[in-house]
Amino acid sequence: MRYNAIKSAEVGTYLLYLRPVIGVIIGLMADKSRASFWLIIGFLLTTFSSLIFSFGIIDNNTTMLFIINILLMAIGVYSCRVLYFATLPEAKIPVALTGTAVGLVSIIGYTPDIFSGPMFGILVDNPNKTAGLENAFLVLSVFSIIGFLTAYRFYKISKK
């Protein structure tokens, strides 16, 4: 979008304000249905929006598409982050094992935080900044597809 550092930080800050709102809304919807269903939706939204960014469809002339797409990505990513532990009852984890389950889920769920920052930094630190960002979003879309397939499989297994 050719935003300077201040404008980029402004967009990022606005997205952080959405995090609790999305978290509460998705949490309420997951309470009324199944958390794994909303995980699937979250991964689909993240996949779809990251692919749009990775294919270079958005540029500084498509501001409205940028806004819609980044909102979809925020909803997708924040939905997945909120629902990690909401799947425990659906998985029929006994209350006595909740601490162990939360620990294991945290290892799996938060491990990408260890390497994703440096990895995305390397991808973006490309002489062609646009290509670097597109590659970073392509990596995000691959991980989102893996998350979608896993959530879908869990949804099917836990339905039985």
Protein backbone atom coordinates (compact mmCIF):
# COMPACT_ATOMS: atom_id res chain seq x y z
CA MET A 1 0.00 0.00 0.00
CA ARG A 2 3.11 2.19 0.13
CA TYR A 3 2.32 3.25 3.69
CA ASN A 4 5.10 4.80 5.72
CA ALA A 5 6.06 3.33 9.10
CA ILE A 6 3.62 5.54 11.02
CA LYS A 7 0.63 4.72 8.80
CA SER A 8 1.51 1.00 8.93
CA ALA A 9 1.70 1.13 12.73
CA GLU A 10 -1.66 2.90 12.78
CA VAL A 11 -3.28 0.10 10.77
CA GLY A 12 -1.69 -2.49 13.08
CA THR A 13 -2.93 -0.66 16.15
CA TYR A 14 -6.50 -0.54 14.84
CA LEU A 15 -6.32 -4.28 14.26
CA LEU A 16 -5.24 -4.83 17.87
CA TYR A 17 -8.38 -3.04 19.05
CA LEU A 18 -10.40 -5.58 17.08
CA ARG A 19 -8.77 -8.52 18.87
CA PRO A 20 -10.92 -8.49 22.05
CA VAL A 21 -14.09 -7.70 20.09
CA ILE A 22 -13.53 -10.59 17.70
CA GLY A 23 -12.50 -12.82 20.59
CA VAL A 24 -15.72 -12.22 22.53
CA ILE A 25 -17.96 -12.55 19.46
CA ILE A 26 -16.30 -15.74 18.20
CA GLY A 27 -16.22 -17.13 21.75
CA LEU A 28 -19.96 -16.56 22.14
CA MET A 29 -20.66 -18.16 18.77
CA ALA A 30 -18.45 -21.14 19.66
CA ASP A 31 -20.36 -21.55 22.93
CA LYS A 32 -23.61 -21.80 20.96
CA SER A 33 -22.26 -24.36 18.50
CA ARG A 34 -18.92 -26.14 18.15
CA ALA A 35 -15.53 -24.48 18.57
CA SER A 36 -14.02 -26.67 15.85
CA PHE A 37 -16.52 -25.29 13.33
CA TRP A 38 -15.35 -21.74 14.07
CA LEU A 39 -11.72 -22.87 13.86
CA ILE A 40 -12.47 -24.13 10.35
CA ILE A 41 -14.03 -20.77 9.46
CA GLY A 42 -11.05 -18.92 10.96
CA PHE A 43 -8.53 -20.96 8.97
CA LEU A 44 -10.57 -20.55 5.77
CA LEU A 45 -10.71 -16.77 6.21
CA THR A 46 -6.98 -16.63 6.93
CA THR A 47 -6.18 -18.83 3.92
CA PHE A 48 -8.40 -16.82 1.60
CA SER A 49 -7.12 -13.42 2.71
CA SER A 50 -3.46 -14.43 2.80
CA LEU A 51 -3.73 -15.84 -0.73
CA ILE A 52 -5.16 -12.52 -1.92
CA PHE A 53 -2.15 -10.75 -0.40
CA SER A 54 0.32 -13.33 -1.74
CA PHE A 55 -0.92 -13.12 -5.34
CA GLY A 56 -0.37 -9.36 -5.45
CA ILE A 57 -4.01 -8.57 -6.11
CA ILE A 58 -3.92 -5.68 -3.67
CA ASP A 59 -1.92 -2.56 -4.42
CA ASN A 60 -2.09 1.12 -3.51
CA ASN A 61 -5.05 1.56 -5.90
CA THR A 62 -7.26 -1.00 -4.15
CA THR A 63 -7.68 0.56 -0.74
CA MET A 64 -11.19 -0.80 -0.10
CA LEU A 65 -10.11 -4.34 -1.02
CA PHE A 66 -7.14 -3.91 1.32
CA ILE A 67 -9.41 -2.84 4.19
CA ILE A 68 -11.88 -5.70 3.62
CA ASN A 69 -9.11 -8.25 3.22
CA ILE A 70 -7.17 -7.19 6.29
CA LEU A 71 -10.40 -7.28 8.33
CA LEU A 72 -11.10 -10.81 7.08
CA MET A 73 -7.56 -11.82 7.98
CA ALA A 74 -7.90 -10.31 11.46
CA ILE A 75 -11.17 -12.18 12.02
CA GLY A 76 -9.57 -15.41 10.81
CA VAL A 77 -6.34 -15.16 12.79
CA TYR A 78 -7.94 -13.87 15.98
CA SER A 79 -10.65 -16.55 15.78
CA CYS A 80 -8.03 -19.28 15.68
CA ARG A 81 -6.04 -17.73 18.51
CA VAL A 82 -9.14 -17.46 20.70
CA LEU A 83 -10.37 -21.01 20.16
CA TYR A 84 -7.27 -23.06 21.02
CA PHE A 85 -8.64 -24.15 24.38
CA ALA A 86 -12.34 -24.03 23.53
CA THR A 87 -11.98 -27.37 21.75
CA LEU A 88 -11.08 -29.23 24.98
CA PRO A 89 -14.69 -30.11 25.90
CA GLU A 90 -15.34 -31.15 22.31
CA ALA A 91 -12.32 -33.45 22.52
CA LYS A 92 -13.81 -34.89 25.72
CA ILE A 93 -10.68 -34.12 27.74
CA PRO A 94 -11.38 -35.01 31.40
CA VAL A 95 -11.24 -32.06 33.79
CA ALA A 96 -8.45 -33.80 35.73
CA LEU A 97 -6.24 -33.64 32.61
CA THR A 98 -7.10 -30.08 31.58
CA GLY A 99 -3.77 -28.64 32.78
CA THR A 100 -1.78 -31.23 30.82
CA ALA A 101 -3.96 -30.72 27.75
CA VAL A 102 -3.59 -26.94 27.95
CA GLY A 103 0.18 -27.36 28.22
CA LEU A 104 0.32 -29.57 25.13
CA VAL A 105 -2.05 -27.34 23.18
CA SER A 106 0.12 -24.34 24.13
CA ILE A 107 3.25 -26.05 22.85
CA ILE A 108 1.58 -26.80 19.53
CA GLY A 109 -0.38 -23.55 19.29
CA TYR A 110 2.34 -21.14 20.34
CA THR A 111 5.43 -22.80 18.84
CA PRO A 112 5.01 -20.89 15.56
CA ASP A 113 5.49 -17.66 17.55
CA ILE A 114 9.09 -18.77 18.13
CA PHE A 115 10.07 -19.04 14.48
CA SER A 116 7.45 -17.05 12.57
CA GLY A 117 8.81 -13.61 13.54
CA PRO A 118 12.37 -14.33 12.39
CA MET A 119 11.13 -16.26 9.34
CA PHE A 120 8.83 -13.45 8.22
CA GLY A 121 11.63 -10.97 8.91
CA ILE A 122 13.92 -12.90 6.57
CA LEU A 123 11.20 -13.09 3.90
CA VAL A 124 10.38 -9.39 4.13
CA ASP A 125 14.06 -8.42 4.21
CA ASN A 126 14.09 -8.85 0.46
CA PRO A 127 15.40 -6.21 -1.95
CA ASN A 128 11.94 -6.34 -3.51
CA LYS A 129 9.78 -5.57 -0.47
CA THR A 130 6.54 -6.41 -2.29
CA ALA A 131 7.84 -9.85 -3.28
CA GLY A 132 9.02 -10.40 0.29
CA LEU A 133 5.58 -9.58 1.69
CA GLU A 134 3.88 -11.76 -0.92
CA ASN A 135 6.16 -14.66 0.06
CA ALA A 136 5.39 -14.11 3.73
CA PHE A 137 1.66 -14.26 3.02
CA LEU A 138 2.18 -17.36 0.90
CA VAL A 139 3.83 -19.06 3.90
CA LEU A 140 0.90 -17.94 6.07
CA SER A 141 -1.54 -19.43 3.57
CA VAL A 142 0.30 -22.78 3.62
CA PHE A 143 0.16 -22.90 7.43
CA SER A 144 -3.50 -21.86 7.31
CA ILE A 145 -4.30 -24.71 4.93
CA ILE A 146 -2.58 -27.13 7.31
CA GLY A 147 -4.59 -25.65 10.19
CA PHE A 148 -7.80 -25.93 8.17
CA LEU A 149 -7.17 -29.59 7.33
CA THR A 150 -6.36 -30.35 10.96
CA ALA A 151 -9.41 -28.50 12.28
CA TYR A 152 -11.64 -30.19 9.70
CA ARG A 153 -10.31 -33.62 10.67
CA PHE A 154 -10.85 -32.82 14.36
CA TYR A 155 -14.40 -31.63 13.58
CA LYS A 156 -15.18 -34.90 11.84
CA ILE A 157 -13.58 -37.09 14.54
CA SER A 158 -15.20 -35.25 17.44
CA LYS A 159 -18.61 -35.45 15.75
CA LYS A 160 -18.65 -39.25 16.21
